[in-house]
Amino acid sequence: MRPETIQKREDEFFSNLTNSAGVKYKLTQTTDIGHGIKIYSIRPDFTSYYYNTKTTKKSICLHFTVGYIKSDTTALSTKDNCVSVSYVVDRSGRIYEMFPDTEWSYHLGSGAVGGNGAMSKQSIGIEISNYGPLKLSGENLVDAYKNEYCKVSETQFYDKLNYRGYDYFASMTEVQISATAALIKYLGRKHDIPMNFMPSDAPFANNAEALAFKGVFYHTNVRKDKFDWPFGPSLKSIIAACTNVLPQAEEAKADATKTAAPSEATKVAEPAQKPAEASMPVETPKAEVKAPEVKKSPEIKPAAKQQASKPKTTPVKAPSLLGSIISLLLQLLGGKKR
């Protein structure tokens, strides 16, 4: 099925929420996880496709469906068949929650390293709606159902890499990559799962390693006969979108604010700095106002003292002048007497 046809079918499914078996889903909740990305919780009128038992989650497993959303949801909510995942992400970037991520269903299969039951219980399954491996047929690439997916010339729709018997794989869309990364980060914060991605699609060495793993792995890490996900451009884009967020920034926020090393720490530190910067202009004018008052008062007071001292010197001179006048009068009178 061609990508543009898939787009139309996805929109139709979102409008009526009915799968290819005629099962009608009810939209029970919509959760906005940021940047316009939303989780749509959908449920049929039965719950027998998963176990209503809460389990502790320590990892996330990525799959692809080899189909499109209408057939994907059909397979993942088959009545009385507990093979499913909590989330499906379509090519348009819509995230569908099939059952609560605190509960579980089998999603790894028989022979999974670590055990299908144990690993399914402790991991959250995410199915990325995608046709997966493609085969070359003349100038076309065809899907698993032998329908044309795209032309070989339409390189934007596939990744070319040799992996487990296939040379071509349908790529994720950009919005699908963004939505999947946002979902992984959301689940990481919710369940305290670190953004520790398996470095390759090679299987775990043994059961103990698989069971002890905390982070994000792929179906290929537990099954040698699977090819979801090949370690190609689409998967690497998801990893690149996630690894700068968790676990460092989320788990070390308190320490990061002290060291101010990560960018997130800088954001946290800024509010604390702004009030301090704002208080500085308030204090500075006060100091400037007081300073002139201190300078003027010493200048005014000495001047006032000098002016006040002048009247005090005049009375001192006045008696000597009066004495001179009296002396002169006495001399004149004395002269007359003579």
Protein backbone atom coordinates (compact mmCIF):
# COMPACT_ATOMS: atom_id res chain seq x y z
CA MET A 1 0.00 0.00 0.00
CA ARG A 2 1.39 3.37 -1.03
CA PRO A 3 2.20 6.02 1.64
CA GLU A 4 -0.47 8.45 0.43
CA THR A 5 -3.09 5.69 0.64
CA ILE A 6 -1.91 4.84 4.14
CA GLN A 7 -2.43 8.49 5.10
CA LYS A 8 -6.05 8.38 3.92
CA ARG A 9 -6.73 5.10 5.72
CA GLU A 10 -5.24 6.47 8.94
CA ASP A 11 -7.50 9.53 8.79
CA GLU A 12 -10.51 7.29 8.18
CA PHE A 13 -9.61 5.12 11.17
CA PHE A 14 -9.21 8.17 13.40
CA SER A 15 -12.64 9.42 12.31
CA ASN A 16 -14.60 6.26 13.03
CA LEU A 17 -12.30 4.17 15.31
CA THR A 18 -13.37 0.88 13.80
CA ASN A 19 -10.84 -1.84 12.97
CA SER A 20 -10.81 -4.20 10.02
CA ALA A 21 -12.74 -6.84 12.02
CA GLY A 22 -15.55 -4.36 12.59
CA VAL A 23 -14.68 -3.84 16.26
CA LYS A 24 -15.62 -0.35 17.41
CA TYR A 25 -13.31 1.45 19.86
CA LYS A 26 -14.34 4.05 22.36
CA LEU A 27 -12.07 7.03 22.92
CA THR A 28 -11.75 7.13 26.71
CA GLN A 29 -9.10 9.80 27.19
CA THR A 30 -6.80 12.18 25.30
CA THR A 31 -3.46 13.07 26.87
CA ASP A 32 -1.35 15.94 25.54
CA ILE A 33 2.34 15.13 26.05
CA GLY A 34 3.61 18.37 24.52
CA HIS A 35 4.50 19.89 21.15
CA GLY A 36 1.05 19.04 19.76
CA ILE A 37 1.59 15.31 20.31
CA LYS A 38 -1.33 13.44 21.86
CA ILE A 39 -2.08 9.99 23.20
CA TYR A 40 -5.53 8.67 22.35
CA SER A 41 -6.69 5.96 24.76
CA ILE A 42 -9.00 3.66 22.82
CA ARG A 43 -10.79 0.55 24.08
CA PRO A 44 -13.13 -2.06 22.63
CA ASP A 45 -15.94 -3.32 24.90
CA PHE A 46 -13.76 -6.18 26.15
CA THR A 47 -10.36 -6.44 27.88
CA SER A 48 -9.37 -10.05 27.21
CA TYR A 49 -6.42 -9.09 24.98
CA TYR A 50 -4.28 -8.06 27.99
CA TYR A 51 -3.83 -8.92 31.65
CA ASN A 52 -5.42 -6.51 34.11
CA THR A 53 -2.46 -6.94 36.48
CA LYS A 54 -0.04 -4.17 37.40
CA THR A 55 3.66 -4.91 36.96
CA THR A 56 6.82 -2.86 37.52
CA LYS A 57 8.27 -1.54 34.27
CA LYS A 58 12.02 -1.21 33.74
CA SER A 59 12.30 -1.11 29.94
CA ILE A 60 10.63 -0.24 26.63
CA CYS A 61 10.62 -2.43 23.52
CA LEU A 62 10.20 -1.08 19.98
CA HIS A 63 8.44 -3.11 17.27
CA PHE A 64 7.01 -2.46 13.83
CA THR A 65 3.68 -3.92 12.72
CA VAL A 66 4.14 -4.88 9.03
CA GLY A 67 0.81 -3.21 8.29
CA TYR A 68 -1.20 -0.02 8.74
CA ILE A 69 -3.22 1.25 11.69
CA LYS A 70 -6.58 -0.38 10.92
CA SER A 71 -5.13 -3.88 10.61
CA ASP A 72 -2.60 -3.19 13.39
CA THR A 73 -5.27 -2.47 15.98
CA THR A 74 -7.21 -5.54 14.82
CA ALA A 75 -4.25 -7.82 15.55
CA LEU A 76 -3.47 -6.08 18.84
CA SER A 77 -6.95 -6.36 20.31
CA THR A 78 -7.98 -9.86 19.33
CA LYS A 79 -10.51 -11.13 21.84
CA ASP A 80 -9.22 -13.77 24.29
CA ASN A 81 -5.72 -13.54 22.82
CA CYS A 82 -3.24 -11.82 25.13
CA VAL A 83 -0.75 -10.74 22.48
CA SER A 84 -0.66 -6.97 22.35
CA VAL A 85 1.22 -3.79 23.28
CA SER A 86 0.25 -0.68 25.19
CA TYR A 87 0.94 1.75 22.32
CA VAL A 88 0.75 2.02 18.54
CA VAL A 89 2.13 5.06 16.68
CA ASP A 90 0.76 5.68 13.17
CA ARG A 91 2.54 7.41 10.28
CA SER A 92 0.59 10.63 10.95
CA GLY A 93 2.08 10.85 14.45
CA ARG A 94 -1.04 9.80 16.36
CA ILE A 95 -0.38 7.64 19.41
CA TYR A 96 -3.01 5.08 20.37
CA GLU A 97 -2.99 3.56 23.84
CA MET A 98 -4.47 0.04 23.63
CA PHE A 99 -4.31 -0.69 27.36
CA PRO A 100 -2.73 0.94 30.46
CA ASP A 101 1.08 0.90 30.42
CA THR A 102 1.06 -0.27 34.05
CA GLU A 103 -0.44 -3.61 32.93
CA TRP A 104 0.81 -6.16 30.43
CA SER A 105 0.32 -8.58 27.56
CA TYR A 106 2.69 -10.93 25.73
CA HIS A 107 4.53 -9.08 22.96
CA LEU A 108 7.94 -10.77 22.49
CA GLY A 109 7.07 -14.30 21.52
CA SER A 110 8.29 -17.80 22.16
CA GLY A 111 12.04 -18.17 22.58
CA ALA A 112 12.62 -14.52 23.60
CA VAL A 113 15.88 -14.07 25.50
CA GLY A 114 14.94 -13.50 29.14
CA GLY A 115 11.65 -15.33 28.68
CA ASN A 116 8.49 -14.14 26.94
CA GLY A 117 6.53 -13.88 30.19
CA ALA A 118 9.13 -12.19 32.39
CA MET A 119 10.34 -9.77 29.70
CA SER A 120 6.81 -8.90 28.55
CA LYS A 121 5.79 -8.11 32.12
CA GLN A 122 8.69 -5.77 32.82
CA SER A 123 8.71 -3.96 29.45
CA ILE A 124 6.30 -1.58 27.72
CA GLY A 125 5.71 -2.52 24.10
CA ILE A 126 5.46 0.17 21.41
CA GLU A 127 4.41 -0.86 17.91
CA ILE A 128 5.34 1.60 15.16
CA SER A 129 2.82 1.28 12.35
CA ASN A 130 5.11 0.46 9.43
CA TYR A 131 5.32 -2.05 6.59
CA GLY A 132 8.85 -3.08 7.53
CA PRO A 133 10.86 -5.09 4.98
CA LEU A 134 10.29 -4.37 1.29
CA LYS A 135 11.28 -6.36 -1.77
CA LEU A 136 12.46 -5.12 -5.13
CA SER A 137 10.11 -5.86 -8.04
CA GLY A 138 11.24 -4.21 -11.24
CA GLU A 139 11.24 -0.46 -10.49
CA ASN A 140 8.99 -0.85 -7.49
CA LEU A 141 9.38 -1.86 -3.88
CA VAL A 142 6.57 -4.10 -2.69
CA ASP A 143 5.38 -4.83 0.84
CA ALA A 144 4.90 -8.20 2.54
CA TYR A 145 1.51 -8.53 0.82
CA LYS A 146 3.08 -7.96 -2.64
CA ASN A 147 1.43 -4.56 -3.05
CA GLU A 148 3.38 -1.62 -4.40
CA TYR A 149 4.75 0.52 -1.60
CA CYS A 150 6.80 3.01 -3.61
CA LYS A 151 9.11 3.46 -6.59
CA VAL A 152 12.82 2.85 -6.12
CA SER A 153 13.29 6.48 -7.11
CA GLU A 154 11.17 7.62 -4.13
CA THR A 155 14.00 7.37 -1.65
CA GLN A 156 12.14 9.46 0.96
CA PHE A 157 9.91 6.46 1.69
CA TYR A 158 12.50 3.82 2.52
CA ASP A 159 15.93 3.09 3.97
CA LYS A 160 18.39 0.99 2.03
CA LEU A 161 20.29 -1.38 4.29
CA ASN A 162 21.05 -5.07 4.24
CA TYR A 163 19.60 -6.74 7.30
CA ARG A 164 18.59 -10.35 7.94
CA GLY A 165 17.83 -11.13 4.33
CA TYR A 166 16.29 -7.80 3.27
CA ASP A 167 17.84 -4.83 1.47
CA TYR A 168 15.04 -2.29 1.86
CA PHE A 169 12.90 -1.18 4.81
CA ALA A 170 10.02 1.29 4.94
CA SER A 171 11.19 4.38 6.80
CA MET A 172 9.31 6.24 9.51
CA THR A 173 7.83 9.64 8.74
CA GLU A 174 9.28 12.68 10.50
CA VAL A 175 6.12 13.19 12.57
CA GLN A 176 6.16 9.52 13.49
CA ILE A 177 9.76 9.78 14.69
CA SER A 178 8.88 12.88 16.75
CA ALA A 179 5.80 11.21 18.26
CA THR A 180 7.66 8.00 19.09
CA ALA A 181 10.51 9.92 20.73
CA ALA A 182 8.04 12.02 22.73
CA LEU A 183 6.24 8.86 23.87
CA ILE A 184 9.49 7.19 24.93
CA LYS A 185 10.51 10.26 26.96
CA TYR A 186 7.04 10.47 28.50
CA LEU A 187 7.19 6.81 29.57
CA GLY A 188 10.76 7.27 30.81
CA ARG A 189 9.66 10.03 33.17
CA LYS A 190 6.53 8.18 34.24
CA HIS A 191 8.20 4.85 35.03
CA ASP A 192 11.72 6.04 35.82
CA ILE A 193 13.14 4.24 32.77
CA PRO A 194 16.51 5.70 31.68
CA MET A 195 17.12 6.68 28.06
CA ASN A 196 19.68 3.91 27.82
CA PHE A 197 19.26 2.59 24.27
CA MET A 198 20.73 -0.73 23.22
CA PRO A 199 23.77 0.18 21.10
CA SER A 200 22.90 -2.27 18.33
CA ASP A 201 20.19 -4.67 17.22
CA ALA A 202 22.25 -7.72 18.27
CA PRO A 203 20.58 -10.11 20.74
CA PHE A 204 21.28 -10.01 24.47
CA ALA A 205 24.10 -12.37 25.44
CA ASN A 206 21.93 -14.36 27.87
CA ASN A 207 18.76 -14.37 29.96
CA ALA A 208 20.39 -12.63 32.92
CA GLU A 209 21.58 -9.72 30.79
CA ALA A 210 18.14 -9.30 29.22
CA LEU A 211 16.31 -9.39 32.55
CA ALA A 212 18.71 -6.92 34.16
CA PHE A 213 18.51 -4.40 31.32
CA LYS A 214 17.00 -0.99 32.04
CA GLY A 215 16.32 1.26 29.07
CA VAL A 216 15.08 0.89 25.49
CA PHE A 217 15.61 -2.23 23.41
CA TYR A 218 14.27 -3.66 20.14
CA HIS A 219 12.54 -6.90 19.22
CA THR A 220 15.75 -7.96 17.49
CA ASN A 221 17.56 -7.88 20.86
CA VAL A 222 15.51 -10.82 22.14
CA ARG A 223 14.72 -12.70 18.90
CA LYS A 224 17.22 -13.69 16.20
CA ASP A 225 14.37 -14.40 13.78
CA LYS A 226 12.92 -10.87 13.97
CA PHE A 227 13.91 -7.74 12.07
CA ASP A 228 12.21 -4.96 14.04
CA TRP A 229 14.10 -2.70 14.33
CA PRO A 230 17.12 -2.73 12.02
CA PHE A 231 19.71 -0.27 13.28
CA GLY A 232 19.21 2.20 10.42
CA PRO A 233 18.42 5.91 9.91
CA SER A 234 14.85 5.79 11.29
CA LEU A 235 15.84 4.13 14.56
CA LYS A 236 18.92 6.34 14.93
CA SER A 237 16.72 9.43 14.53
CA ILE A 238 14.58 8.31 17.47
CA ILE A 239 17.66 7.66 19.60
CA ALA A 240 19.10 11.08 18.73
CA ALA A 241 15.82 12.75 19.74
CA CYS A 242 15.81 11.02 23.13
CA THR A 243 19.33 10.70 24.50
CA ASN A 244 19.82 14.39 25.36
CA VAL A 245 16.84 14.37 27.73
CA LEU A 246 17.03 11.30 29.99
CA PRO A 247 18.37 10.05 32.29
CA GLN A 248 20.91 12.83 32.96
CA ALA A 249 18.64 15.86 32.98
CA GLU A 250 15.65 14.25 34.68
CA GLU A 251 17.46 12.17 37.29
CA ALA A 252 20.07 14.76 38.20
CA LYS A 253 18.10 18.01 38.25
CA ALA A 254 19.05 18.88 41.83
CA ASP A 255 22.75 18.25 41.22
CA ALA A 256 22.65 19.92 37.83
CA THR A 257 21.49 23.23 39.34
CA LYS A 258 24.58 23.25 41.55
CA THR A 259 27.04 22.48 38.80
CA ALA A 260 25.09 24.34 36.08
CA ALA A 261 26.65 21.98 33.53
CA PRO A 262 23.69 20.72 31.41
CA SER A 263 21.49 23.10 29.45
CA GLU A 264 18.50 22.08 31.57
CA ALA A 265 20.40 23.13 34.66
CA THR A 266 20.93 26.56 33.17
CA LYS A 267 17.20 26.93 32.67
CA VAL A 268 16.56 26.02 36.27
CA ALA A 269 19.19 28.46 37.54
CA GLU A 270 17.92 31.47 35.56
CA PRO A 271 14.83 32.23 37.72
CA ALA A 272 17.03 32.32 40.82
CA GLN A 273 19.41 34.79 39.20
CA LYS A 274 16.79 37.18 37.84
CA PRO A 275 15.46 38.42 41.22
CA ALA A 276 19.04 39.13 42.34
CA GLU A 277 19.72 41.11 39.18
CA ALA A 278 16.45 43.01 39.57
CA SER A 279 17.29 44.06 43.14
CA MET A 280 20.58 45.68 42.14
CA PRO A 281 19.09 48.73 40.31
CA VAL A 282 16.78 49.36 43.29
CA GLU A 283 19.65 49.49 45.76
CA THR A 284 21.97 51.56 43.59
CA PRO A 285 19.78 54.70 43.32
CA LYS A 286 19.36 54.69 47.10
CA ALA A 287 23.11 54.79 47.57
CA GLU A 288 23.42 57.62 45.06
CA VAL A 289 20.74 59.71 46.80
CA LYS A 290 22.35 59.33 50.21
CA ALA A 291 25.83 60.15 48.98
CA PRO A 292 25.05 63.72 47.88
CA GLU A 293 23.29 64.39 51.20
CA VAL A 294 26.38 63.35 53.12
CA LYS A 295 28.63 65.47 50.93
CA LYS A 296 26.49 68.62 51.17
CA SER A 297 25.91 68.57 54.88
CA PRO A 298 29.61 68.96 55.81
CA GLU A 299 29.92 71.80 53.29
CA ILE A 300 26.87 73.66 54.58
CA LYS A 301 27.70 73.34 58.28
CA PRO A 302 31.20 74.92 58.17
CA ALA A 303 29.80 77.83 56.15
CA ALA A 304 27.08 78.37 58.71
CA LYS A 305 29.64 78.43 61.53
CA GLN A 306 31.76 81.02 59.78
CA GLN A 307 28.79 83.35 59.21
CA ALA A 308 27.72 83.03 62.84
CA SER A 309 31.20 83.91 64.10
CA LYS A 310 31.28 87.37 62.43
CA PRO A 311 28.75 88.99 64.82
CA LYS A 312 30.80 87.67 67.73
CA THR A 313 33.95 89.54 66.60
CA THR A 314 32.08 92.87 66.14
CA PRO A 315 31.18 93.34 69.83
CA VAL A 316 34.82 92.81 70.67
CA LYS A 317 35.81 95.76 68.48
CA ALA A 318 32.86 97.98 69.62
CA PRO A 319 34.10 98.61 73.19
CA SER A 320 37.50 99.87 71.99
CA LEU A 321 35.86 102.37 69.58
CA LEU A 322 33.50 103.66 72.30
CA GLY A 323 36.42 104.08 74.63
CA SER A 324 38.21 106.19 72.04
CA ILE A 325 35.19 108.47 71.66
CA ILE A 326 34.82 108.92 75.42
CA SER A 327 38.52 109.61 75.72
CA LEU A 328 38.25 112.23 73.01
CA LEU A 329 35.28 113.94 74.75
CA LEU A 330 37.11 113.99 78.03
CA GLN A 331 40.06 115.61 76.37
CA LEU A 332 37.83 118.31 74.88
CA LEU A 333 36.13 118.95 78.19
CA GLY A 334 39.43 118.99 79.91
CA GLY A 335 40.66 121.54 77.45
CA LYS A 336 37.71 123.72 78.16
CA LYS A 337 38.40 123.46 81.87
CA ARG A 338 41.89 124.50 81.24
